[in-house]
PDB file of N, CA and C in Angstrom:
ATOM      1  N   MET A   1       0.847  -1.176   0.000  1.00  0.00           N
ATOM      2  CA  MET A   1       0.000   0.000   0.000  1.00  0.00           C
ATOM      3  C   MET A   1       0.894   1.240   0.000  1.00  0.00           C
ATOM      4  N   THR A   2       0.591   2.177  -0.859  1.00  0.00           N
ATOM      5  CA  THR A   2       1.343   3.424  -0.907  1.00  0.00           C
ATOM      6  C   THR A   2       0.777   4.415   0.099  1.00  0.00           C
ATOM      7  N   LYS A   3       1.524   5.494   0.307  1.00  0.00           N
ATOM      8  CA  LYS A   3       1.066   6.525   1.236  1.00  0.00           C
ATOM      9  C   LYS A   3      -0.244   7.141   0.747  1.00  0.00           C
ATOM     10  N   GLN A   4      -0.358   7.374  -0.552  1.00  0.00           N
ATOM     11  CA  GLN A   4      -1.580   7.964  -1.097  1.00  0.00           C
ATOM     12  C   GLN A   4      -2.784   7.036  -0.917  1.00  0.00           C
ATOM     13  N   GLU A   5      -2.566   5.736  -1.076  1.00  0.00           N
ATOM     14  CA  GLU A   5      -3.644   4.764  -0.848  1.00  0.00           C
ATOM     15  C   GLU A   5      -4.033   4.752   0.624  1.00  0.00           C
ATOM     16  N   PHE A   6      -3.024   4.866   1.501  1.00  0.00           N
ATOM     17  CA  PHE A   6      -3.286   4.911   2.932  1.00  0.00           C
ATOM     18  C   PHE A   6      -4.106   6.158   3.288  1.00  0.00           C
ATOM     19  N   ILE A   7      -3.747   7.285   2.712  1.00  0.00           N
ATOM     20  CA  ILE A   7      -4.472   8.529   2.979  1.00  0.00           C
ATOM     21  C   ILE A   7      -5.929   8.404   2.527  1.00  0.00           C
ATOM     22  N   ALA A   8      -6.145   7.809   1.358  1.00  0.00           N
ATOM     23  CA  ALA A   8      -7.516   7.623   0.863  1.00  0.00           C
ATOM     24  C   ALA A   8      -8.313   6.705   1.795  1.00  0.00           C
ATOM     25  N   LEU A   9      -7.698   5.633   2.274  1.00  0.00           N
ATOM     26  CA  LEU A   9      -8.363   4.719   3.204  1.00  0.00           C
ATOM     27  C   LEU A   9      -8.664   5.419   4.524  1.00  0.00           C
ATOM     28  N   TYR A  10      -7.702   6.201   5.019  1.00  0.00           N
ATOM     29  CA  TYR A  10      -7.881   6.954   6.262  1.00  0.00           C
ATOM     30  C   TYR A  10      -9.017   7.963   6.110  1.00  0.00           C
ATOM     31  N   GLN A  11      -9.064   8.648   4.969  1.00  0.00           N
ATOM     32  CA  GLN A  11     -10.117   9.626   4.692  1.00  0.00           C
ATOM     33  C   GLN A  11     -11.490   8.964   4.733  1.00  0.00           C
ATOM     34  N   GLU A  12     -11.583   7.789   4.127  1.00  0.00           N
ATOM     35  CA  GLU A  12     -12.852   7.057   4.106  1.00  0.00           C
ATOM     36  C   GLU A  12     -13.237   6.579   5.508  1.00  0.00           C
ATOM     37  N   LYS A  13     -12.267   6.010   6.212  1.00  0.00           N
ATOM     38  CA  LYS A  13     -12.522   5.434   7.532  1.00  0.00           C
ATOM     39  C   LYS A  13     -12.928   6.501   8.552  1.00  0.00           C
ATOM     40  N   MET A  14     -12.270   7.664   8.487  1.00  0.00           N
ATOM     41  CA  MET A  14     -12.532   8.734   9.450  1.00  0.00           C
ATOM     42  C   MET A  14     -13.616   9.694   8.965  1.00  0.00           C
ATOM     43  N   GLU A  15     -14.161   9.428   7.773  1.00  0.00           N
ATOM     44  CA  GLU A  15     -15.217  10.250   7.184  1.00  0.00           C
ATOM     45  C   GLU A  15     -14.801  11.713   7.078  1.00  0.00           C
ATOM     46  N   ILE A  16     -13.594  11.924   6.557  1.00  0.00           N
ATOM     47  CA  ILE A  16     -13.076  13.271   6.333  1.00  0.00           C
ATOM     48  C   ILE A  16     -13.491  13.682   4.930  1.00  0.00           C
ATOM     49  N   THR A  17     -14.030  14.890   4.800  1.00  0.00           N
ATOM     50  CA  THR A  17     -14.575  15.306   3.511  1.00  0.00           C
ATOM     51  C   THR A  17     -13.501  15.617   2.476  1.00  0.00           C
ATOM     52  N   GLY A  18     -12.411  16.244   2.871  1.00  0.00           N
ATOM     53  CA  GLY A  18     -11.398  16.640   1.893  1.00  0.00           C
ATOM     54  C   GLY A  18     -10.140  15.789   1.961  1.00  0.00           C
ATOM     55  N   LYS A  19      -9.599  15.482   0.785  1.00  0.00           N
ATOM     56  CA  LYS A  19      -8.363  14.702   0.725  1.00  0.00           C
ATOM     57  C   LYS A  19      -7.197  15.481   1.321  1.00  0.00           C
ATOM     58  N   LYS A  20      -7.165  16.798   1.100  1.00  0.00           N
ATOM     59  CA  LYS A  20      -6.088  17.638   1.648  1.00  0.00           C
ATOM     60  C   LYS A  20      -6.074  17.577   3.178  1.00  0.00           C
ATOM     61  N   GLU A  21      -7.245  17.584   3.783  1.00  0.00           N
ATOM     62  CA  GLU A  21      -7.334  17.521   5.248  1.00  0.00           C
ATOM     63  C   GLU A  21      -6.843  16.163   5.756  1.00  0.00           C
ATOM     64  N   ALA A  22      -7.225  15.093   5.079  1.00  0.00           N
ATOM     65  CA  ALA A  22      -6.772  13.757   5.466  1.00  0.00           C
ATOM     66  C   ALA A  22      -5.261  13.655   5.333  1.00  0.00           C
ATOM     67  N   GLU A  23      -4.720  14.204   4.253  1.00  0.00           N
ATOM     68  CA  GLU A  23      -3.263  14.177   4.045  1.00  0.00           C
ATOM     69  C   GLU A  23      -2.549  14.983   5.126  1.00  0.00           C
ATOM     70  N   ARG A  24      -3.103  16.131   5.498  1.00  0.00           N
ATOM     71  CA  ARG A  24      -2.515  16.958   6.554  1.00  0.00           C
ATOM     72  C   ARG A  24      -2.470  16.208   7.880  1.00  0.00           C
ATOM     73  N   LEU A  25      -3.558  15.497   8.209  1.00  0.00           N
ATOM     74  CA  LEU A  25      -3.623  14.743   9.462  1.00  0.00           C
ATOM     75  C   LEU A  25      -2.637  13.569   9.466  1.00  0.00           C
ATOM     76  N   VAL A  26      -2.562  12.842   8.360  1.00  0.00           N
ATOM     77  CA  VAL A  26      -1.639  11.704   8.271  1.00  0.00           C
ATOM     78  C   VAL A  26      -0.193  12.200   8.359  1.00  0.00           C
ATOM     79  N   ASN A  27       0.129  13.261   7.623  1.00  0.00           N
ATOM     80  CA  ASN A  27       1.484  13.811   7.664  1.00  0.00           C
ATOM     81  C   ASN A  27       1.840  14.308   9.059  1.00  0.00           C
ATOM     82  N   GLY A  28       0.883  14.912   9.735  1.00  0.00           N
ATOM     83  CA  GLY A  28       1.102  15.373  11.102  1.00  0.00           C
ATOM     84  C   GLY A  28       1.372  14.214  12.048  1.00  0.00           C
ATOM     85  N   PHE A  29       0.641  13.132  11.872  1.00  0.00           N
ATOM     86  CA  PHE A  29       0.824  11.941  12.710  1.00  0.00           C
ATOM     87  C   PHE A  29       2.232  11.375  12.536  1.00  0.00           C
ATOM     88  N   PHE A  30       2.635  11.178  11.274  1.00  0.00           N
ATOM     89  CA  PHE A  30       3.964  10.605  11.023  1.00  0.00           C
ATOM     90  C   PHE A  30       5.082  11.553  11.443  1.00  0.00           C
ATOM     91  N   SER A  31       4.886  12.847  11.259  1.00  0.00           N
ATOM     92  CA  SER A  31       5.922  13.792  11.659  1.00  0.00           C
ATOM     93  C   SER A  31       6.061  13.842  13.186  1.00  0.00           C
ATOM     94  N   THR A  32       4.974  13.633  13.897  1.00  0.00           N
ATOM     95  CA  THR A  32       5.035  13.588  15.363  1.00  0.00           C
ATOM     96  C   THR A  32       5.792  12.350  15.834  1.00  0.00           C
ATOM     97  N   ILE A  33       5.539  11.203  15.211  1.00  0.00           N
ATOM     98  CA  ILE A  33       6.289   9.985  15.550  1.00  0.00           C
ATOM     99  C   ILE A  33       7.772  10.207  15.270  1.00  0.00           C
ATOM    100  N   GLU A  34       8.074  10.804  14.123  1.00  0.00           N
ATOM    101  CA  GLU A  34       9.462  11.087  13.758  1.00  0.00           C
ATOM    102  C   GLU A  34      10.136  11.978  14.798  1.00  0.00           C
ATOM    103  N   GLU A  35       9.435  13.017  15.233  1.00  0.00           N
ATOM    104  CA  GLU A  35       9.967  13.954  16.221  1.00  0.00           C
ATOM    105  C   GLU A  35      10.306  13.247  17.533  1.00  0.00           C
ATOM    106  N   VAL A  36       9.411  12.372  17.984  1.00  0.00           N
ATOM    107  CA  VAL A  36       9.628  11.624  19.225  1.00  0.00           C
ATOM    108  C   VAL A  36      10.871  10.741  19.106  1.00  0.00           C
ATOM    109  N   LEU A  37      11.016  10.044  17.975  1.00  0.00           N
ATOM    110  CA  LEU A  37      12.141   9.133  17.779  1.00  0.00           C
ATOM    111  C   LEU A  37      13.461   9.873  17.603  1.00  0.00           C
ATOM    112  N   VAL A  38      13.446  11.025  16.935  1.00  0.00           N
ATOM    113  CA  VAL A  38      14.669  11.812  16.748  1.00  0.00           C
ATOM    114  C   VAL A  38      15.178  12.310  18.104  1.00  0.00           C
ATOM    115  N   LYS A  39      14.263  12.639  19.017  1.00  0.00           N
ATOM    116  CA  LYS A  39      14.662  13.061  20.367  1.00  0.00           C
ATOM    117  C   LYS A  39      15.282  11.912  21.159  1.00  0.00           C
ATOM    118  N   GLY A  40      15.074  10.670  20.695  1.00  0.00           N
ATOM    119  CA  GLY A  40      15.611   9.513  21.399  1.00  0.00           C
ATOM    120  C   GLY A  40      14.616   8.852  22.326  1.00  0.00           C
ATOM    121  N   ASP A  41      13.374   9.322  22.326  1.00  0.00           N
ATOM    122  CA  ASP A  41      12.333   8.736  23.170  1.00  0.00           C
ATOM    123  C   ASP A  41      11.687   7.540  22.472  1.00  0.00           C
ATOM    124  N   ASP A  42      11.073   6.675  23.253  1.00  0.00           N
ATOM    125  CA  ASP A  42      10.313   5.548  22.720  1.00  0.00           C
ATOM    126  C   ASP A  42       8.842   5.935  22.658  1.00  0.00           C
ATOM    127  N   LEU A  43       8.093   5.263  21.791  1.00  0.00           N
ATOM    128  CA  LEU A  43       6.655   5.499  21.680  1.00  0.00           C
ATOM    129  C   LEU A  43       5.940   4.166  21.802  1.00  0.00           C
ATOM    130  N   SER A  44       5.146   4.014  22.866  1.00  0.00           N
ATOM    131  CA  SER A  44       4.393   2.788  23.088  1.00  0.00           C
ATOM    132  C   SER A  44       2.907   3.058  22.889  1.00  0.00           C
ATOM    133  N   VAL A  45       2.271   2.220  22.067  1.00  0.00           N
ATOM    134  CA  VAL A  45       0.829   2.302  21.851  1.00  0.00           C
ATOM    135  C   VAL A  45       0.264   0.952  22.280  1.00  0.00           C
ATOM    136  N   LEU A  46      -0.440   0.934  23.391  1.00  0.00           N
ATOM    137  CA  LEU A  46      -0.941  -0.294  23.978  1.00  0.00           C
ATOM    138  C   LEU A  46      -1.738  -1.114  22.962  1.00  0.00           C
ATOM    139  N   GLY A  47      -1.364  -2.365  22.796  1.00  0.00           N
ATOM    140  CA  GLY A  47      -2.049  -3.259  21.888  1.00  0.00           C
ATOM    141  C   GLY A  47      -1.565  -3.188  20.448  1.00  0.00           C
ATOM    142  N   PHE A  48      -0.911  -2.077  20.074  1.00  0.00           N
ATOM    143  CA  PHE A  48      -0.420  -1.913  18.705  1.00  0.00           C
ATOM    144  C   PHE A  48       1.056  -2.258  18.612  1.00  0.00           C
ATOM    145  N   GLY A  49       1.878  -1.600  19.436  1.00  0.00           N
ATOM    146  CA  GLY A  49       3.303  -1.890  19.407  1.00  0.00           C
ATOM    147  C   GLY A  49       4.121  -0.778  20.017  1.00  0.00           C
ATOM    148  N   LYS A  50       5.435  -0.922  19.875  1.00  0.00           N
ATOM    149  CA  LYS A  50       6.366   0.037  20.457  1.00  0.00           C
ATOM    150  C   LYS A  50       7.436   0.395  19.433  1.00  0.00           C
ATOM    151  N   PHE A  51       7.598   1.693  19.189  1.00  0.00           N
ATOM    152  CA  PHE A  51       8.681   2.211  18.369  1.00  0.00           C
ATOM    153  C   PHE A  51       9.791   2.610  19.332  1.00  0.00           C
ATOM    154  N   GLU A  52      11.004   2.165  19.069  1.00  0.00           N
ATOM    155  CA  GLU A  52      12.115   2.523  19.943  1.00  0.00           C
ATOM    156  C   GLU A  52      13.382   2.729  19.140  1.00  0.00           C
ATOM    157  N   THR A  53      14.269   3.565  19.672  1.00  0.00           N
ATOM    158  CA  THR A  53      15.560   3.774  19.041  1.00  0.00           C
ATOM    159  C   THR A  53      16.613   3.013  19.834  1.00  0.00           C
ATOM    160  N   THR A  54      17.514   2.373  19.115  1.00  0.00           N
ATOM    161  CA  THR A  54      18.630   1.683  19.748  1.00  0.00           C
ATOM    162  C   THR A  54      19.900   2.053  19.004  1.00  0.00           C
ATOM    163  N   THR A  55      21.024   1.793  19.623  1.00  0.00           N
ATOM    164  CA  THR A  55      22.304   2.058  18.991  1.00  0.00           C
ATOM    165  C   THR A  55      22.877   0.749  18.478  1.00  0.00           C
ATOM    166  N   GLN A  56      23.174   0.723  17.193  1.00  0.00           N
ATOM    167  CA  GLN A  56      23.795  -0.455  16.586  1.00  0.00           C
ATOM    168  C   GLN A  56      25.305  -0.234  16.657  1.00  0.00           C
ATOM    169  N   SER A  57      26.008  -1.150  17.310  1.00  0.00           N
ATOM    170  CA  SER A  57      27.437  -0.957  17.524  1.00  0.00           C
ATOM    171  C   SER A  57      28.224  -1.043  16.215  1.00  0.00           C
ATOM    172  N   ALA A  58      29.415  -0.456  16.246  1.00  0.00           N
ATOM    173  CA  ALA A  58      30.307  -0.503  15.091  1.00  0.00           C
ATOM    174  C   ALA A  58      30.721  -1.943  14.834  1.00  0.00           C
ATOM    175  N   ARG A  59      30.959  -2.268  13.569  1.00  0.00           N
ATOM    176  CA  ARG A  59      31.339  -3.639  13.235  1.00  0.00           C
ATOM    177  C   ARG A  59      32.145  -3.655  11.945  1.00  0.00           C
ATOM    178  N   THR A  60      32.740  -4.782  11.672  1.00  0.00           N
ATOM    179  CA  THR A  60      33.486  -4.963  10.440  1.00  0.00           C
ATOM    180  C   THR A  60      32.736  -5.941   9.553  1.00  0.00           C
ATOM    181  N   CYS A  61      32.513  -5.554   8.300  1.00  0.00           N
ATOM    182  CA  CYS A  61      31.813  -6.397   7.330  1.00  0.00           C
ATOM    183  C   CYS A  61      32.719  -6.635   6.139  1.00  0.00           C
ATOM    184  N   ARG A  62      32.266  -7.474   5.244  1.00  0.00           N
ATOM    185  CA  ARG A  62      33.016  -7.733   4.011  1.00  0.00           C
ATOM    186  C   ARG A  62      32.168  -7.345   2.802  1.00  0.00           C
ATOM    187  N   ASN A  63      32.842  -6.755   1.830  1.00  0.00           N
ATOM    188  CA  ASN A  63      32.211  -6.471   0.551  1.00  0.00           C
ATOM    189  C   ASN A  63      32.092  -7.809  -0.175  1.00  0.00           C
ATOM    190  N   PRO A  64      30.880  -8.273  -0.506  1.00  0.00           N
ATOM    191  CA  PRO A  64      30.729  -9.593  -1.114  1.00  0.00           C
ATOM    192  C   PRO A  64      31.378  -9.716  -2.497  1.00  0.00           C
ATOM    193  N   GLN A  65      31.548  -8.611  -3.204  1.00  0.00           N
ATOM    194  CA  GLN A  65      32.147  -8.675  -4.541  1.00  0.00           C
ATOM    195  C   GLN A  65      33.665  -8.755  -4.494  1.00  0.00           C
ATOM    196  N   THR A  66      34.272  -7.986  -3.563  1.00  0.00           N
ATOM    197  CA  THR A  66      35.734  -7.937  -3.534  1.00  0.00           C
ATOM    198  C   THR A  66      36.335  -8.687  -2.358  1.00  0.00           C
ATOM    199  N   GLY A  67      35.550  -8.953  -1.333  1.00  0.00           N
ATOM    200  CA  GLY A  67      36.069  -9.601  -0.135  1.00  0.00           C
ATOM    201  C   GLY A  67      36.779  -8.630   0.792  1.00  0.00           C
ATOM    202  N   GLU A  68      36.830  -7.366   0.411  1.00  0.00           N
ATOM    203  CA  GLU A  68      37.498  -6.338   1.206  1.00  0.00           C
ATOM    204  C   GLU A  68      36.726  -6.070   2.496  1.00  0.00           C
ATOM    205  N   GLU A  69      37.458  -5.904   3.607  1.00  0.00           N
ATOM    206  CA  GLU A  69      36.823  -5.578   4.886  1.00  0.00           C
ATOM    207  C   GLU A  69      36.419  -4.110   4.898  1.00  0.00           C
ATOM    208  N   ILE A  70      35.221  -3.851   5.427  1.00  0.00           N
ATOM    209  CA  ILE A  70      34.689  -2.497   5.528  1.00  0.00           C
ATOM    210  C   ILE A  70      34.281  -2.262   6.972  1.00  0.00           C
ATOM    211  N   LYS A  71      34.702  -1.130   7.517  1.00  0.00           N
ATOM    212  CA  LYS A  71      34.303  -0.788   8.885  1.00  0.00           C
ATOM    213  C   LYS A  71      33.013   0.015   8.818  1.00  0.00           C
ATOM    214  N   VAL A  72      31.991  -0.492   9.498  1.00  0.00           N
ATOM    215  CA  VAL A  72      30.695   0.182   9.560  1.00  0.00           C
ATOM    216  C   VAL A  72      30.626   0.887  10.911  1.00  0.00           C
ATOM    217  N   PRO A  73      30.441   2.210  10.911  1.00  0.00           N
ATOM    218  CA  PRO A  73      30.430   2.945  12.182  1.00  0.00           C
ATOM    219  C   PRO A  73      29.152   2.693  12.984  1.00  0.00           C
ATOM    220  N   GLU A  74      29.217   3.030  14.269  1.00  0.00           N
ATOM    221  CA  GLU A  74      28.052   2.945  15.148  1.00  0.00           C
ATOM    222  C   GLU A  74      26.965   3.886  14.624  1.00  0.00           C
ATOM    223  N   LYS A  75      25.709   3.455  14.744  1.00  0.00           N
ATOM    224  CA  LYS A  75      24.610   4.319  14.309  1.00  0.00           C
ATOM    225  C   LYS A  75      23.354   4.010  15.106  1.00  0.00           C
ATOM    226  N   LYS A  76      22.433   4.982  15.103  1.00  0.00           N
ATOM    227  CA  LYS A  76      21.131   4.798  15.753  1.00  0.00           C
ATOM    228  C   LYS A  76      20.162   4.229  14.726  1.00  0.00           C
ATOM    229  N   VAL A  77      19.335   3.283  15.173  1.00  0.00           N
ATOM    230  CA  VAL A  77      18.335   2.675  14.298  1.00  0.00           C
ATOM    231  C   VAL A  77      16.991   2.649  15.023  1.00  0.00           C
ATOM    232  N   VAL A  78      15.919   2.565  14.251  1.00  0.00           N
ATOM    233  CA  VAL A  78      14.570   2.487  14.804  1.00  0.00           C
ATOM    234  C   VAL A  78      14.106   1.040  14.726  1.00  0.00           C
ATOM    235  N   LYS A  79      13.535   0.554  15.813  1.00  0.00           N
ATOM    236  CA  LYS A  79      12.973  -0.787  15.847  1.00  0.00           C
ATOM    237  C   LYS A  79      11.501  -0.695  16.228  1.00  0.00           C
ATOM    238  N   PHE A  80      10.728  -1.647  15.724  1.00  0.00           N
ATOM    239  CA  PHE A  80       9.309  -1.713  16.069  1.00  0.00           C
ATOM    240  C   PHE A  80       9.022  -3.099  16.615  1.00  0.00           C
ATOM    241  N   ARG A  81       8.415  -3.138  17.779  1.00  0.00           N
ATOM    242  CA  ARG A  81       7.987  -4.405  18.378  1.00  0.00           C
ATOM    243  C   ARG A  81       6.464  -4.427  18.360  1.00  0.00           C
ATOM    244  N   VAL A  82       5.928  -5.422  17.701  1.00  0.00           N
ATOM    245  CA  VAL A  82       4.479  -5.513  17.558  1.00  0.00           C
ATOM    246  C   VAL A  82       3.829  -5.855  18.897  1.00  0.00           C
ATOM    247  N   GLY A  83       2.659  -5.255  19.152  1.00  0.00           N
ATOM    248  CA  GLY A  83       1.902  -5.532  20.368  1.00  0.00           C
ATOM    249  C   GLY A  83       1.114  -6.829  20.233  1.00  0.00           C
ATOM    250  N   LYS A  84       0.733  -7.381  21.356  1.00  0.00           N
ATOM    251  CA  LYS A  84       0.047  -8.671  21.379  1.00  0.00           C
ATOM    252  C   LYS A  84      -1.266  -8.639  20.591  1.00  0.00           C
ATOM    253  N   SER A  85      -2.062  -7.599  20.787  1.00  0.00           N
ATOM    254  CA  SER A  85      -3.361  -7.508  20.127  1.00  0.00           C
ATOM    255  C   SER A  85      -3.212  -7.460  18.603  1.00  0.00           C
ATOM    256  N   LEU A  86      -2.297  -6.636  18.105  1.00  0.00           N
ATOM    257  CA  LEU A  86      -2.069  -6.531  16.673  1.00  0.00           C
ATOM    258  C   LEU A  86      -1.505  -7.845  16.121  1.00  0.00           C
ATOM    259  N   ALA A  87      -0.593  -8.445  16.838  1.00  0.00           N
ATOM    260  CA  ALA A  87       0.006  -9.720  16.390  1.00  0.00           C
ATOM    261  C   ALA A  87      -1.072 -10.798  16.249  1.00  0.00           C
ATOM    262  N   GLU A  88      -2.003 -10.842  17.196  1.00  0.00           N
ATOM    263  CA  GLU A  88      -3.073 -11.828  17.125  1.00  0.00           C
ATOM    264  C   GLU A  88      -4.014 -11.570  15.945  1.00  0.00           C
ATOM    265  N   LYS A  89      -4.319 -10.303  15.675  1.00  0.00           N
ATOM    266  CA  LYS A  89      -5.202  -9.958  14.555  1.00  0.00           C
ATOM    267  C   LYS A  89      -4.551 -10.303  13.214  1.00  0.00           C
ATOM    268  N   VAL A  90      -3.262 -10.043  13.087  1.00  0.00           N
ATOM    269  CA  VAL A  90      -2.554 -10.338  11.833  1.00  0.00           C
ATOM    270  C   VAL A  90      -2.432 -11.842  11.624  1.00  0.00           C
ATOM    271  N   ALA A  91      -2.274 -12.592  12.708  1.00  0.00           N
ATOM    272  CA  ALA A  91      -2.091 -14.044  12.617  1.00  0.00           C
ATOM    273  C   ALA A  91      -3.350 -14.767  12.177  1.00  0.00           C
ATOM    274  N   LYS A  92      -4.520 -14.155  12.367  1.00  0.00           N
ATOM    275  CA  LYS A  92      -5.796 -14.822  12.015  1.00  0.00           C
ATOM    276  C   LYS A  92      -5.982 -14.890  10.534  1.00  0.00           C
TER     277      LYS A  92
END
């Protein structure tokens, strides 16, 4: 599903009259999640899941084409852990 398809579904589900308004609300929602994660905070939504930031340690990898070792620096990554309720609904 693309973002535009998601916005159309959200507009229908929430009975929003204008597509621009639905897009504004969806963009606001995602930008708020982004803001929370950039600050380094976690976001837990009961029954849905948890967005969290973790630090992936530095490591050494190999280039599969040349076999050359490459040092990958430490970086922050976002992880999502699915909530029990959502996991059960998807499994059905």
